[in-house]
Amino acid sequence: QVQLVESGGGLVQAGGSLRLSCVASSRIFSSNVMGWYRQAPGNQREWVASIGRSGATDVADSVKGRFSIARDGAKNTVYLQMNSLKPEDTAIYYCSTAPPGKNGASWGQGTQVTVSS
């Protein structure tokens, strides 16, 4: 059973915006804090943002003021709105629970974000 499906990535110029979506299984979505993570070539996967079931959010310092996270309970979907993108935001973006792997959640295939200078 596919648990997490990310979409919305692409190629964008520096300063541009993208909105990523992650559709989760209802079991995963309804029971957990959800998060976005990213992995750039040669780097470890890092946490980007998370959102609780109540809607409380937290974002990494590196993206604070530029990225925001939201969730839609009716669609079992988590969003990552990315504004003022920088080349260093280039990575594969994944969603999962926060912390990752709770309740057996596995990683999705991710979505590639490439920011050109």
C-alpha atoms as a PDB file:
ATOM      1  CA  GLN A   1       0.000   0.000   0.000  1.00  0.00           C
ATOM      2  CA  VAL A   2       1.388   3.368  -1.029  1.00  0.00           C
ATOM      3  CA  GLN A   3       1.384   5.606   2.010  1.00  0.00           C
ATOM      4  CA  LEU A   4       2.885   8.907   0.858  1.00  0.00           C
ATOM      5  CA  VAL A   5       2.929  10.488  -2.599  1.00  0.00           C
ATOM      6  CA  GLU A   6       4.721  13.762  -3.174  1.00  0.00           C
ATOM      7  CA  SER A   7       4.232  16.047  -6.172  1.00  0.00           C
ATOM      8  CA  GLY A   8       4.670  19.623  -7.307  1.00  0.00           C
ATOM      9  CA  GLY A   9       8.407  19.856  -7.810  1.00  0.00           C
ATOM     10  CA  GLY A  10      10.071  21.320 -10.862  1.00  0.00           C
ATOM     11  CA  LEU A  11      12.625  23.729 -12.236  1.00  0.00           C
ATOM     12  CA  VAL A  12      12.290  27.343 -11.135  1.00  0.00           C
ATOM     13  CA  GLN A  13      14.483  30.423 -11.225  1.00  0.00           C
ATOM     14  CA  ALA A  14      15.881  31.909  -8.052  1.00  0.00           C
ATOM     15  CA  GLY A  15      13.264  34.081  -6.398  1.00  0.00           C
ATOM     16  CA  GLY A  16      10.417  31.965  -7.717  1.00  0.00           C
ATOM     17  CA  SER A  17       7.827  29.880  -5.898  1.00  0.00           C
ATOM     18  CA  LEU A  18       6.571  26.320  -5.844  1.00  0.00           C
ATOM     19  CA  ARG A  19       3.936  24.492  -3.845  1.00  0.00           C
ATOM     20  CA  LEU A  20       4.560  20.872  -3.025  1.00  0.00           C
ATOM     21  CA  SER A  21       1.796  18.431  -2.122  1.00  0.00           C
ATOM     22  CA  CYS A  22       1.899  15.168  -0.242  1.00  0.00           C
ATOM     23  CA  VAL A  23      -1.088  12.859  -0.197  1.00  0.00           C
ATOM     24  CA  ALA A  24      -0.928  10.471   2.725  1.00  0.00           C
ATOM     25  CA  SER A  25      -2.935   7.437   3.666  1.00  0.00           C
ATOM     26  CA  SER A  26      -5.649   8.336   6.132  1.00  0.00           C
ATOM     27  CA  ARG A  27      -4.080   6.125   8.793  1.00  0.00           C
ATOM     28  CA  ILE A  28      -0.798   7.999   8.597  1.00  0.00           C
ATOM     29  CA  PHE A  29      -2.257  11.470   8.174  1.00  0.00           C
ATOM     30  CA  SER A  30      -4.853  11.384  10.925  1.00  0.00           C
ATOM     31  CA  SER A  31      -2.570  10.073  13.647  1.00  0.00           C
ATOM     32  CA  ASN A  32       0.626  12.012  13.235  1.00  0.00           C
ATOM     33  CA  VAL A  33       2.509  15.217  13.102  1.00  0.00           C
ATOM     34  CA  MET A  34       3.514  15.478   9.445  1.00  0.00           C
ATOM     35  CA  GLY A  35       6.754  16.852   8.089  1.00  0.00           C
ATOM     36  CA  TRP A  36       8.679  17.781   4.978  1.00  0.00           C
ATOM     37  CA  TYR A  37      12.308  16.830   4.524  1.00  0.00           C
ATOM     38  CA  ARG A  38      14.862  17.341   1.777  1.00  0.00           C
ATOM     39  CA  GLN A  39      18.053  15.760   0.565  1.00  0.00           C
ATOM     40  CA  ALA A  40      20.548  17.519  -1.662  1.00  0.00           C
ATOM     41  CA  PRO A  41      23.212  15.560  -3.569  1.00  0.00           C
ATOM     42  CA  GLY A  42      25.974  14.489  -1.229  1.00  0.00           C
ATOM     43  CA  ASN A  43      24.082  15.618   1.857  1.00  0.00           C
ATOM     44  CA  GLN A  44      22.078  13.868   4.504  1.00  0.00           C
ATOM     45  CA  ARG A  45      18.321  14.174   4.513  1.00  0.00           C
ATOM     46  CA  GLU A  46      17.276  17.134   6.640  1.00  0.00           C
ATOM     47  CA  TRP A  47      14.067  18.274   8.247  1.00  0.00           C
ATOM     48  CA  VAL A  48      12.427  21.324   6.664  1.00  0.00           C
ATOM     49  CA  ALA A  49       9.060  21.846   8.344  1.00  0.00           C
ATOM     50  CA  SER A  50       6.386  20.081  10.356  1.00  0.00           C
ATOM     51  CA  ILE A  51       2.742  20.568  11.265  1.00  0.00           C
ATOM     52  CA  GLY A  52       0.767  19.067  14.089  1.00  0.00           C
ATOM     53  CA  ARG A  53      -2.765  17.749  14.034  1.00  0.00           C
ATOM     54  CA  SER A  54      -3.900  21.022  15.614  1.00  0.00           C
ATOM     55  CA  GLY A  55      -2.174  23.037  12.899  1.00  0.00           C
ATOM     56  CA  ALA A  56       0.814  24.173  14.930  1.00  0.00           C
ATOM     57  CA  THR A  57       3.795  24.591  12.621  1.00  0.00           C
ATOM     58  CA  ASP A  58       7.537  24.729  12.844  1.00  0.00           C
ATOM     59  CA  VAL A  59      10.098  25.396  10.134  1.00  0.00           C
ATOM     60  CA  ALA A  60      13.853  25.125   9.937  1.00  0.00           C
ATOM     61  CA  ASP A  61      15.846  28.302  10.374  1.00  0.00           C
ATOM     62  CA  SER A  62      17.243  27.948   6.853  1.00  0.00           C
ATOM     63  CA  VAL A  63      13.787  28.397   5.328  1.00  0.00           C
ATOM     64  CA  LYS A  64      12.052  30.519   7.940  1.00  0.00           C
ATOM     65  CA  GLY A  65      10.184  33.430   6.398  1.00  0.00           C
ATOM     66  CA  ARG A  66      10.241  31.771   2.970  1.00  0.00           C
ATOM     67  CA  PHE A  67       8.556  28.368   3.406  1.00  0.00           C
ATOM     68  CA  SER A  68       5.284  27.512   5.084  1.00  0.00           C
ATOM     69  CA  ILE A  69       3.502  24.234   5.741  1.00  0.00           C
ATOM     70  CA  ALA A  70      -0.204  23.486   5.822  1.00  0.00           C
ATOM     71  CA  ARG A  71      -2.472  20.462   5.986  1.00  0.00           C
ATOM     72  CA  ASP A  72      -5.926  19.689   4.618  1.00  0.00           C
ATOM     73  CA  GLY A  73      -7.704  17.021   6.634  1.00  0.00           C
ATOM     74  CA  ALA A  74     -10.418  16.513   4.056  1.00  0.00           C
ATOM     75  CA  LYS A  75      -7.801  15.553   1.477  1.00  0.00           C
ATOM     76  CA  ASN A  76      -5.223  13.873   3.726  1.00  0.00           C
ATOM     77  CA  THR A  77      -2.750  16.262   2.138  1.00  0.00           C
ATOM     78  CA  VAL A  78       0.199  18.241   3.447  1.00  0.00           C
ATOM     79  CA  TYR A  79       1.500  21.216   1.516  1.00  0.00           C
ATOM     80  CA  LEU A  80       4.814  23.026   1.460  1.00  0.00           C
ATOM     81  CA  GLN A  81       4.632  26.535   0.033  1.00  0.00           C
ATOM     82  CA  MET A  82       8.088  27.650  -1.008  1.00  0.00           C
ATOM     83  CA  ASN A  83       8.711  31.301  -1.834  1.00  0.00           C
ATOM     84  CA  SER A  84      11.867  33.280  -2.601  1.00  0.00           C
ATOM     85  CA  LEU A  85      13.602  30.085  -3.633  1.00  0.00           C
ATOM     86  CA  LYS A  86      17.383  29.966  -3.666  1.00  0.00           C
ATOM     87  CA  PRO A  87      19.774  27.648  -5.522  1.00  0.00           C
ATOM     88  CA  GLU A  88      20.666  26.048  -2.185  1.00  0.00           C
ATOM     89  CA  ASP A  89      17.052  24.872  -1.888  1.00  0.00           C
ATOM     90  CA  THR A  90      17.719  22.447  -4.740  1.00  0.00           C
ATOM     91  CA  ALA A  91      17.025  18.942  -3.430  1.00  0.00           C
ATOM     92  CA  ILE A  92      14.620  16.045  -3.516  1.00  0.00           C
ATOM     93  CA  TYR A  93      11.780  16.842  -1.140  1.00  0.00           C
ATOM     94  CA  TYR A  94      10.035  14.122   0.849  1.00  0.00           C
ATOM     95  CA  CYS A  95       7.203  14.031   3.306  1.00  0.00           C
ATOM     96  CA  SER A  96       6.739  11.690   6.222  1.00  0.00           C
ATOM     97  CA  THR A  97       5.656  11.756   9.800  1.00  0.00           C
ATOM     98  CA  ALA A  98       7.591  13.885  12.244  1.00  0.00           C
ATOM     99  CA  PRO A  99       9.770  12.301  13.423  1.00  0.00           C
ATOM    100  CA  PRO A 100       9.943  10.139  10.294  1.00  0.00           C
ATOM    101  CA  GLY A 101       8.815   6.545  10.287  1.00  0.00           C
ATOM    102  CA  LYS A 102       6.157   6.729  12.972  1.00  0.00           C
ATOM    103  CA  ASN A 103       3.353   4.180  12.748  1.00  0.00           C
ATOM    104  CA  GLY A 104       5.267   2.373  10.037  1.00  0.00           C
ATOM    105  CA  ALA A 105       5.291   5.318   7.640  1.00  0.00           C
ATOM    106  CA  SER A 106       7.752   4.774   4.833  1.00  0.00           C
ATOM    107  CA  TRP A 107       9.327   7.370   2.572  1.00  0.00           C
ATOM    108  CA  GLY A 108       7.603   8.293  -0.656  1.00  0.00           C
ATOM    109  CA  GLN A 109       9.440   8.676  -3.935  1.00  0.00           C
ATOM    110  CA  GLY A 110      10.051  12.365  -3.335  1.00  0.00           C
ATOM    111  CA  THR A 111       9.750  15.267  -5.722  1.00  0.00           C
ATOM    112  CA  GLN A 112      12.715  17.060  -7.287  1.00  0.00           C
ATOM    113  CA  VAL A 113      13.066  20.796  -6.822  1.00  0.00           C
ATOM    114  CA  THR A 114      15.741  22.539  -8.854  1.00  0.00           C
ATOM    115  CA  VAL A 115      16.406  26.250  -8.446  1.00  0.00           C
ATOM    116  CA  SER A 116      18.547  27.908 -11.084  1.00  0.00           C
ATOM    117  CA  SER A 117      20.586  31.020 -10.406  1.00  0.00           C
END
